[in-house]
């Protein structure tokens, strides 16, 4: 690796100012949404500064999309996010059931070849 090539390191935590700049939001809006949306829960350091993970940023992106781009109210956005998580769980359950079915067929095939 050439010496002048920079290694890309990913940050684990982002400050509220970095996040507010990323989404072009006031820090006060992010703090307010933190109270409204339980899924948005950045950790705090000893000084009380919020530290956002990539997961927090993903949640915030969903909230911004629903409220700013799609025009949902806070309550409407909460319901949409709740529905998304419920449908995601049901999709996971369907996939697991299908995988179990496939596994059973493979086990059956393996026994018939013995």
N, C-alpha and C. Protein backbone atom coordinates (compact mmCIF):
# COMPACT_ATOMS: atom_id res chain seq x y z
N UNK A 1 0.85 -1.18 0.00
CA UNK A 1 0.00 0.00 0.00
C UNK A 1 0.90 1.24 0.00
N UNK A 2 0.70 2.16 -0.93
CA UNK A 2 1.50 3.38 -0.95
C UNK A 2 1.31 4.19 0.33
N UNK A 3 2.35 4.88 0.73
CA UNK A 3 2.36 5.63 1.97
C UNK A 3 1.34 6.76 1.96
N UNK A 4 1.18 7.44 0.82
CA UNK A 4 0.29 8.60 0.77
C UNK A 4 -1.19 8.24 0.59
N UNK A 5 -1.49 6.96 0.51
CA UNK A 5 -2.89 6.54 0.40
C UNK A 5 -3.48 6.48 1.80
N UNK A 6 -4.59 7.18 2.02
CA UNK A 6 -5.22 7.21 3.35
C UNK A 6 -6.07 5.97 3.58
N UNK A 7 -5.95 5.42 4.77
CA UNK A 7 -6.82 4.33 5.15
C UNK A 7 -8.14 4.93 5.59
N UNK A 8 -9.21 4.33 5.11
CA UNK A 8 -10.52 4.84 5.48
C UNK A 8 -10.97 4.17 6.77
N UNK A 9 -11.18 4.97 7.78
CA UNK A 9 -11.68 4.43 9.04
C UNK A 9 -13.08 4.96 9.26
N UNK A 10 -13.94 4.06 9.68
CA UNK A 10 -15.32 4.47 9.93
C UNK A 10 -15.46 4.88 11.38
N UNK A 11 -16.18 5.95 11.59
CA UNK A 11 -16.43 6.41 12.95
C UNK A 11 -17.51 5.55 13.58
N UNK A 12 -17.37 5.32 14.86
CA UNK A 12 -18.40 4.59 15.59
C UNK A 12 -19.50 5.52 16.07
N UNK A 13 -19.11 6.75 16.41
CA UNK A 13 -20.06 7.71 16.95
C UNK A 13 -19.96 9.05 16.24
N UNK A 14 -21.09 9.71 16.11
CA UNK A 14 -21.16 11.02 15.48
C UNK A 14 -21.80 12.00 16.46
N UNK A 15 -21.31 13.21 16.49
CA UNK A 15 -21.86 14.23 17.38
C UNK A 15 -23.18 14.75 16.81
N UNK A 16 -23.94 15.42 17.66
CA UNK A 16 -25.22 15.98 17.21
C UNK A 16 -24.99 17.05 16.14
N UNK A 17 -23.89 17.76 16.22
CA UNK A 17 -23.62 18.79 15.21
C UNK A 17 -23.32 18.15 13.85
N UNK A 18 -22.62 17.01 13.86
CA UNK A 18 -22.36 16.31 12.60
C UNK A 18 -23.65 15.77 12.01
N UNK A 19 -24.50 15.23 12.86
CA UNK A 19 -25.77 14.66 12.40
C UNK A 19 -26.71 15.76 11.90
N UNK A 20 -26.75 16.88 12.63
CA UNK A 20 -27.63 17.98 12.20
C UNK A 20 -27.17 18.55 10.87
N UNK A 21 -25.86 18.60 10.67
CA UNK A 21 -25.32 19.08 9.39
C UNK A 21 -25.66 18.10 8.27
N UNK A 22 -25.53 16.82 8.57
CA UNK A 22 -25.82 15.77 7.59
C UNK A 22 -27.26 15.86 7.07
N UNK A 23 -28.20 16.08 7.98
CA UNK A 23 -29.61 16.12 7.60
C UNK A 23 -30.16 17.54 7.41
N UNK A 24 -29.30 18.52 7.58
CA UNK A 24 -29.71 19.93 7.48
C UNK A 24 -30.88 20.22 8.42
N UNK A 25 -30.71 19.80 9.67
CA UNK A 25 -31.71 20.01 10.71
C UNK A 25 -31.07 20.76 11.88
N UNK A 26 -31.89 21.47 12.64
CA UNK A 26 -31.40 22.07 13.87
C UNK A 26 -31.18 20.98 14.90
N UNK A 27 -30.19 21.15 15.76
CA UNK A 27 -29.94 20.19 16.83
C UNK A 27 -31.16 20.08 17.73
N UNK A 28 -31.88 21.19 17.92
CA UNK A 28 -33.07 21.16 18.77
C UNK A 28 -34.15 20.25 18.18
N UNK A 29 -34.26 20.20 16.87
CA UNK A 29 -35.23 19.31 16.22
C UNK A 29 -34.86 17.87 16.49
N UNK A 30 -33.59 17.56 16.38
CA UNK A 30 -33.13 16.18 16.63
C UNK A 30 -33.39 15.80 18.09
N UNK A 31 -33.10 16.72 19.00
CA UNK A 31 -33.34 16.44 20.42
C UNK A 31 -34.84 16.22 20.68
N UNK A 32 -35.68 17.01 20.02
CA UNK A 32 -37.13 16.86 20.17
C UNK A 32 -37.58 15.49 19.64
N UNK A 33 -37.10 15.13 18.46
CA UNK A 33 -37.48 13.85 17.87
C UNK A 33 -36.99 12.69 18.73
N UNK A 34 -35.87 12.89 19.39
CA UNK A 34 -35.34 11.86 20.28
C UNK A 34 -36.36 11.53 21.38
N UNK A 35 -37.05 12.55 21.86
CA UNK A 35 -38.08 12.36 22.89
C UNK A 35 -39.33 11.70 22.30
N UNK A 36 -39.63 12.01 21.05
CA UNK A 36 -40.86 11.52 20.41
C UNK A 36 -40.73 10.09 19.87
N UNK A 37 -39.56 9.74 19.39
CA UNK A 37 -39.36 8.43 18.75
C UNK A 37 -38.44 7.59 19.61
N UNK A 38 -39.00 6.57 20.26
CA UNK A 38 -38.20 5.77 21.18
C UNK A 38 -37.08 5.00 20.48
N UNK A 39 -37.25 4.72 19.19
CA UNK A 39 -36.20 4.01 18.45
C UNK A 39 -34.94 4.86 18.28
N UNK A 40 -35.08 6.16 18.37
CA UNK A 40 -33.95 7.08 18.25
C UNK A 40 -33.40 7.33 19.65
N UNK A 41 -32.31 6.66 19.98
CA UNK A 41 -31.79 6.80 21.35
C UNK A 41 -30.27 6.82 21.35
N UNK A 42 -29.70 7.97 21.02
CA UNK A 42 -28.24 8.05 21.05
C UNK A 42 -27.72 7.91 22.48
N UNK A 43 -26.52 7.36 22.59
CA UNK A 43 -25.91 7.26 23.91
C UNK A 43 -25.35 8.63 24.28
N UNK A 44 -25.06 8.80 25.54
CA UNK A 44 -24.49 10.07 25.99
C UNK A 44 -23.17 9.79 26.70
N UNK A 45 -22.20 10.68 26.48
CA UNK A 45 -20.93 10.52 27.17
C UNK A 45 -21.01 11.13 28.57
N UNK A 46 -19.90 11.14 29.27
CA UNK A 46 -19.90 11.65 30.65
C UNK A 46 -20.33 13.10 30.74
N UNK A 47 -20.04 13.87 29.70
CA UNK A 47 -20.44 15.28 29.67
C UNK A 47 -21.91 15.48 29.31
N UNK A 48 -22.56 14.40 28.87
CA UNK A 48 -23.96 14.50 28.47
C UNK A 48 -24.14 14.77 26.99
N UNK A 49 -23.05 14.77 26.22
CA UNK A 49 -23.15 14.98 24.77
C UNK A 49 -23.71 13.72 24.11
N UNK A 50 -24.60 13.92 23.18
CA UNK A 50 -25.19 12.80 22.46
C UNK A 50 -24.19 12.23 21.46
N UNK A 51 -24.15 10.90 21.41
CA UNK A 51 -23.29 10.20 20.47
C UNK A 51 -24.17 9.28 19.63
N UNK A 52 -24.25 9.57 18.34
CA UNK A 52 -25.12 8.83 17.44
C UNK A 52 -24.35 7.73 16.74
N UNK A 53 -24.92 6.53 16.71
CA UNK A 53 -24.33 5.41 15.97
C UNK A 53 -24.90 5.41 14.55
N UNK A 54 -24.38 4.54 13.72
CA UNK A 54 -24.91 4.41 12.36
C UNK A 54 -26.39 4.00 12.40
N UNK A 55 -26.75 3.17 13.37
CA UNK A 55 -28.14 2.73 13.50
C UNK A 55 -29.05 3.92 13.84
N UNK A 56 -28.59 4.78 14.75
CA UNK A 56 -29.35 5.99 15.08
C UNK A 56 -29.54 6.86 13.85
N UNK A 57 -28.49 6.97 13.05
CA UNK A 57 -28.54 7.79 11.84
C UNK A 57 -29.51 7.18 10.83
N UNK A 58 -29.54 5.85 10.74
CA UNK A 58 -30.50 5.19 9.85
C UNK A 58 -31.94 5.49 10.29
N UNK A 59 -32.18 5.39 11.60
CA UNK A 59 -33.52 5.70 12.12
C UNK A 59 -33.88 7.16 11.82
N UNK A 60 -32.94 8.04 12.04
CA UNK A 60 -33.18 9.45 11.80
C UNK A 60 -33.47 9.70 10.32
N UNK A 61 -32.78 9.00 9.44
CA UNK A 61 -33.02 9.14 8.00
C UNK A 61 -34.46 8.75 7.67
N UNK A 62 -34.96 7.69 8.30
CA UNK A 62 -36.34 7.27 8.07
C UNK A 62 -37.32 8.33 8.57
N UNK A 63 -37.02 8.89 9.73
CA UNK A 63 -37.88 9.92 10.31
C UNK A 63 -37.90 11.16 9.41
N UNK A 64 -36.72 11.58 8.96
CA UNK A 64 -36.62 12.75 8.08
C UNK A 64 -37.40 12.50 6.79
N UNK A 65 -37.26 11.30 6.24
CA UNK A 65 -37.97 10.97 5.01
C UNK A 65 -39.48 11.09 5.20
N UNK A 66 -39.98 10.53 6.28
CA UNK A 66 -41.42 10.55 6.52
C UNK A 66 -41.94 11.95 6.81
N UNK A 67 -41.24 12.69 7.65
CA UNK A 67 -41.74 14.01 8.07
C UNK A 67 -41.43 15.10 7.05
N UNK A 68 -40.19 15.19 6.64
CA UNK A 68 -39.78 16.30 5.75
C UNK A 68 -40.12 16.04 4.28
N UNK A 69 -39.86 14.82 3.79
CA UNK A 69 -40.09 14.55 2.37
C UNK A 69 -41.54 14.16 2.07
N UNK A 70 -42.11 13.30 2.93
CA UNK A 70 -43.45 12.79 2.63
C UNK A 70 -44.56 13.54 3.35
N UNK A 71 -44.21 14.45 4.25
CA UNK A 71 -45.20 15.31 4.88
C UNK A 71 -46.03 14.70 5.99
N UNK A 72 -45.54 13.61 6.59
CA UNK A 72 -46.28 13.00 7.69
C UNK A 72 -46.18 13.87 8.94
N UNK A 73 -47.18 13.76 9.79
CA UNK A 73 -47.10 14.37 11.11
C UNK A 73 -46.23 13.45 11.97
N UNK A 74 -45.87 13.91 13.14
CA UNK A 74 -45.06 13.06 14.03
C UNK A 74 -45.82 11.78 14.36
N UNK A 75 -47.10 11.91 14.67
CA UNK A 75 -47.91 10.73 14.99
C UNK A 75 -48.00 9.79 13.79
N UNK A 76 -48.19 10.36 12.61
CA UNK A 76 -48.26 9.55 11.39
C UNK A 76 -46.95 8.83 11.12
N UNK A 77 -45.84 9.51 11.35
CA UNK A 77 -44.53 8.91 11.16
C UNK A 77 -44.32 7.77 12.15
N UNK A 78 -44.76 7.96 13.40
CA UNK A 78 -44.65 6.90 14.40
C UNK A 78 -45.40 5.65 13.95
N UNK A 79 -46.62 5.86 13.43
CA UNK A 79 -47.43 4.73 12.97
C UNK A 79 -46.78 4.03 11.78
N UNK A 80 -46.25 4.81 10.85
CA UNK A 80 -45.57 4.22 9.69
C UNK A 80 -44.38 3.37 10.13
N UNK A 81 -43.58 3.90 11.04
CA UNK A 81 -42.40 3.17 11.51
C UNK A 81 -42.81 1.91 12.26
N UNK A 82 -43.89 1.99 13.01
CA UNK A 82 -44.40 0.82 13.73
C UNK A 82 -44.86 -0.24 12.73
N UNK A 83 -45.58 0.19 11.70
CA UNK A 83 -46.06 -0.75 10.67
C UNK A 83 -44.89 -1.39 9.93
N UNK A 84 -43.85 -0.61 9.67
CA UNK A 84 -42.67 -1.16 8.98
C UNK A 84 -42.02 -2.25 9.81
N UNK A 85 -41.90 -2.03 11.11
CA UNK A 85 -41.25 -3.03 11.96
C UNK A 85 -42.10 -4.28 12.07
N UNK A 86 -43.43 -4.12 12.09
CA UNK A 86 -44.33 -5.27 12.16
C UNK A 86 -44.24 -6.06 10.86
N UNK A 87 -44.25 -5.38 9.71
CA UNK A 87 -44.19 -6.10 8.44
C UNK A 87 -42.83 -6.75 8.25
N UNK A 88 -41.77 -6.13 8.77
CA UNK A 88 -40.44 -6.71 8.69
C UNK A 88 -40.39 -8.01 9.49
N UNK A 89 -41.02 -8.00 10.68
CA UNK A 89 -41.05 -9.21 11.52
C UNK A 89 -41.82 -10.32 10.82
N UNK A 90 -42.97 -9.99 10.21
CA UNK A 90 -43.76 -11.03 9.54
C UNK A 90 -43.01 -11.57 8.33
N UNK A 91 -42.27 -10.71 7.62
CA UNK A 91 -41.45 -11.19 6.50
C UNK A 91 -40.38 -12.14 6.99
N UNK A 92 -39.74 -11.80 8.11
CA UNK A 92 -38.70 -12.67 8.68
C UNK A 92 -39.29 -14.02 9.06
N UNK A 93 -40.48 -14.01 9.63
CA UNK A 93 -41.13 -15.26 10.02
C UNK A 93 -41.44 -16.12 8.80
N UNK A 94 -41.87 -15.49 7.71
CA UNK A 94 -42.15 -16.22 6.48
C UNK A 94 -40.87 -16.85 5.92
N UNK A 95 -39.79 -16.10 5.93
CA UNK A 95 -38.51 -16.59 5.42
C UNK A 95 -38.03 -17.77 6.26
N UNK A 96 -38.14 -17.65 7.58
CA UNK A 96 -37.71 -18.72 8.48
C UNK A 96 -38.53 -19.99 8.23
N UNK A 97 -39.83 -19.82 8.07
CA UNK A 97 -40.70 -20.98 7.80
C UNK A 97 -40.30 -21.65 6.49
N UNK A 98 -40.03 -20.86 5.47
CA UNK A 98 -39.65 -21.41 4.17
C UNK A 98 -38.31 -22.13 4.27
N UNK A 99 -37.35 -21.54 5.00
CA UNK A 99 -36.05 -22.18 5.17
C UNK A 99 -36.17 -23.50 5.92
N UNK A 100 -37.03 -23.56 6.92
CA UNK A 100 -37.25 -24.81 7.66
C UNK A 100 -37.83 -25.88 6.74
N UNK A 101 -38.74 -25.44 5.87
CA UNK A 101 -39.36 -26.36 4.91
C UNK A 101 -38.30 -26.92 3.95
N UNK A 102 -37.43 -26.05 3.46
CA UNK A 102 -36.36 -26.46 2.54
C UNK A 102 -35.40 -27.42 3.25
N UNK A 103 -35.06 -27.08 4.50
CA UNK A 103 -34.15 -27.92 5.27
C UNK A 103 -34.73 -29.32 5.45
N UNK A 104 -36.02 -29.38 5.77
CA UNK A 104 -36.68 -30.68 5.95
C UNK A 104 -36.61 -31.51 4.67
N UNK A 105 -36.82 -30.86 3.53
CA UNK A 105 -36.75 -31.57 2.24
C UNK A 105 -35.33 -32.07 1.97
N UNK A 106 -34.33 -31.24 2.31
CA UNK A 106 -32.94 -31.64 2.11
C UNK A 106 -32.57 -32.82 3.00
N UNK A 107 -33.03 -32.78 4.24
CA UNK A 107 -32.77 -33.89 5.15
C UNK A 107 -33.41 -35.17 4.63
N UNK A 108 -34.64 -35.03 4.12
CA UNK A 108 -35.36 -36.15 3.54
C UNK A 108 -34.59 -36.73 2.35
N UNK A 109 -34.09 -35.84 1.48
CA UNK A 109 -33.31 -36.29 0.32
C UNK A 109 -32.03 -37.00 0.76
N UNK A 110 -31.40 -36.46 1.78
CA UNK A 110 -30.16 -37.08 2.29
C UNK A 110 -30.41 -38.48 2.83
N UNK A 111 -31.54 -38.68 3.50
CA UNK A 111 -31.87 -40.00 4.05
C UNK A 111 -32.18 -40.98 2.95
N UNK A 112 -32.84 -40.52 1.89
CA UNK A 112 -33.20 -41.43 0.79
C UNK A 112 -31.99 -41.86 -0.02
N UNK A 113 -30.88 -41.13 0.05
CA UNK A 113 -29.67 -41.50 -0.69
C UNK A 113 -28.81 -42.46 0.09
N UNK A 114 -29.08 -42.64 1.40
CA UNK A 114 -28.27 -43.56 2.23
C UNK A 114 -28.53 -44.99 1.92
